[in-house]
Amino acid sequence: MSLAPLLNAALPIQLHAFAAMAAFVIGLVQFVGPKGTLPHRTLGFLWMALMLIVAVSSFWISEIRLLGPWSPIHLLSIWVLLMVPLAIYYARKGRVRGHAMTVIGMFAGGLVVAGLFTFVPGRIMHAVAFGN
């Protein structure tokens, strides 16, 4: 395992990957920690900001091109851009279930599923984890 492939990548890829890794770790902390507390809200806002960085930075990554410079994974980025304000809205309105389902969906789809695709041979994270 070596971070060299990621550190040698373009800045949007680095920003995207490091924000996604940080969001993944913070997301795990959020799932196991107590809900509704000041630390939960503070980490939650940080997590939401990281998810926005992950989504927005993806639009400068176009290694897989199916529709011009875009790929189907960019639909997930648009989805995250829509879900972040919805999750915040649910939390502020006290709609705990809606908030939880929205955040779990973003974590599962935006970080876990999308993250697994980054480990496909030929991708940078595959080279980070397994070498060339």
Protein backbone atom coordinates (compact mmCIF):
# COMPACT_ATOMS: atom_id res chain seq x y z
CA MET A 1 0.00 0.00 0.00
CA SER A 2 1.31 3.41 -1.01
CA LEU A 3 -0.29 6.83 -1.17
CA ALA A 4 2.07 7.78 -4.01
CA PRO A 5 -0.50 7.23 -6.82
CA LEU A 6 -2.98 9.47 -5.02
CA LEU A 7 -0.40 12.11 -4.12
CA ASN A 8 0.70 12.20 -7.77
CA ALA A 9 -2.87 12.62 -9.02
CA ALA A 10 -4.47 15.90 -10.06
CA LEU A 11 -5.61 18.21 -7.24
CA PRO A 12 -9.37 17.57 -7.75
CA ILE A 13 -8.75 13.83 -7.38
CA GLN A 14 -6.74 14.35 -4.20
CA LEU A 15 -9.37 16.69 -2.74
CA HIS A 16 -12.14 14.26 -3.68
CA ALA A 17 -10.38 11.20 -2.25
CA PHE A 18 -9.22 12.74 1.02
CA ALA A 19 -12.62 14.36 1.63
CA ALA A 20 -14.32 11.01 0.95
CA MET A 21 -11.97 9.16 3.32
CA ALA A 22 -12.52 11.74 6.06
CA ALA A 23 -16.30 11.61 5.51
CA PHE A 24 -16.20 7.81 5.75
CA VAL A 25 -14.40 7.88 9.10
CA ILE A 26 -16.57 10.65 10.52
CA GLY A 27 -19.66 8.81 9.27
CA LEU A 28 -18.66 5.69 11.18
CA VAL A 29 -18.11 7.78 14.32
CA GLN A 30 -21.53 9.36 13.86
CA PHE A 31 -23.26 6.00 13.51
CA VAL A 32 -21.91 4.62 16.78
CA GLY A 33 -22.02 7.83 18.85
CA PRO A 34 -24.95 9.31 20.72
CA LYS A 35 -27.40 11.25 18.57
CA GLY A 36 -28.70 14.77 19.09
CA THR A 37 -25.71 15.94 21.12
CA LEU A 38 -23.53 18.95 20.39
CA PRO A 39 -20.66 16.72 19.18
CA HIS A 40 -23.09 14.87 16.88
CA ARG A 41 -24.34 18.14 15.40
CA THR A 42 -20.81 19.55 15.04
CA LEU A 43 -19.44 16.42 13.38
CA GLY A 44 -22.62 16.26 11.32
CA PHE A 45 -22.03 19.70 9.84
CA LEU A 46 -18.42 18.74 9.13
CA TRP A 47 -19.62 15.51 7.50
CA MET A 48 -22.13 17.41 5.36
CA ALA A 49 -19.43 19.86 4.26
CA LEU A 50 -17.13 16.96 3.35
CA MET A 51 -19.92 15.31 1.36
CA LEU A 52 -20.44 18.56 -0.55
CA ILE A 53 -16.71 18.70 -1.28
CA VAL A 54 -16.79 15.08 -2.49
CA ALA A 55 -19.79 15.75 -4.74
CA VAL A 56 -18.60 19.06 -6.19
CA SER A 57 -15.01 17.91 -6.74
CA SER A 58 -16.28 14.91 -8.71
CA PHE A 59 -17.29 17.23 -11.55
CA TRP A 60 -13.59 17.92 -12.21
CA ILE A 61 -12.87 14.19 -12.43
CA SER A 62 -13.70 12.75 -15.83
CA GLU A 63 -11.57 9.65 -16.30
CA ILE A 64 -14.62 7.56 -17.22
CA ARG A 65 -16.48 9.34 -20.02
CA LEU A 66 -19.83 8.02 -21.19
CA LEU A 67 -21.83 11.22 -21.70
CA GLY A 68 -19.32 13.87 -22.75
CA PRO A 69 -17.04 14.39 -19.77
CA TRP A 70 -19.55 12.71 -17.42
CA SER A 71 -20.26 9.19 -16.29
CA PRO A 72 -23.25 7.70 -14.46
CA ILE A 73 -21.39 8.18 -11.15
CA HIS A 74 -21.91 11.93 -11.59
CA LEU A 75 -25.65 11.32 -11.12
CA LEU A 76 -24.74 10.20 -7.60
CA SER A 77 -22.96 13.52 -7.07
CA ILE A 78 -26.08 15.42 -8.12
CA TRP A 79 -28.11 13.23 -5.77
CA VAL A 80 -25.77 14.05 -2.86
CA LEU A 81 -26.04 17.78 -3.66
CA LEU A 82 -29.81 17.43 -3.29
CA MET A 83 -29.74 15.19 -0.21
CA VAL A 84 -27.39 17.30 1.95
CA PRO A 85 -29.87 20.20 2.33
CA LEU A 86 -32.71 17.71 2.76
CA ALA A 87 -30.87 15.94 5.59
CA ILE A 88 -30.23 19.28 7.30
CA TYR A 89 -33.87 20.28 6.82
CA TYR A 90 -35.07 17.03 8.40
CA ALA A 91 -32.72 17.48 11.37
CA ARG A 92 -33.82 21.06 11.98
CA LYS A 93 -37.49 20.09 11.80
CA GLY A 94 -36.98 17.20 14.23
CA ARG A 95 -37.83 14.61 11.60
CA VAL A 96 -35.31 12.13 12.96
CA ARG A 97 -36.29 9.18 10.77
CA GLY A 98 -36.14 11.24 7.57
CA HIS A 99 -32.78 12.66 8.62
CA ALA A 100 -31.40 9.24 9.51
CA MET A 101 -32.59 7.60 6.28
CA THR A 102 -31.19 10.43 4.15
CA VAL A 103 -27.80 10.34 5.87
CA ILE A 104 -27.61 6.53 5.80
CA GLY A 105 -28.45 6.63 2.10
CA MET A 106 -25.70 9.14 1.41
CA PHE A 107 -23.21 7.13 3.43
CA ALA A 108 -24.14 3.82 1.80
CA GLY A 109 -24.49 5.08 -1.77
CA GLY A 110 -22.16 8.04 -1.83
CA LEU A 111 -19.30 6.57 0.17
CA VAL A 112 -19.55 2.78 0.41
CA VAL A 113 -20.90 1.79 -3.02
CA ALA A 114 -19.13 4.57 -4.94
CA GLY A 115 -16.00 3.92 -2.89
CA LEU A 116 -15.96 0.25 -3.85
CA PHE A 117 -15.86 1.24 -7.52
CA THR A 118 -12.66 3.17 -6.89
CA PHE A 119 -10.89 -0.12 -6.19
CA VAL A 120 -11.47 -1.48 -9.71
CA PRO A 121 -8.16 -2.33 -11.40
CA GLY A 122 -6.79 0.61 -13.34
CA ARG A 123 -8.18 3.22 -10.92
CA ILE A 124 -5.99 5.27 -8.59
CA MET A 125 -7.34 3.82 -5.34
CA HIS A 126 -6.67 0.32 -6.64
CA ALA A 127 -3.05 1.33 -7.14
CA VAL A 128 -2.99 2.87 -3.64
CA ALA A 129 -4.35 -0.27 -1.99
CA PHE A 130 -2.81 -3.01 -4.13
CA GLY A 131 0.01 -1.42 -6.14
CA ASN A 132 0.17 -1.32 -9.94
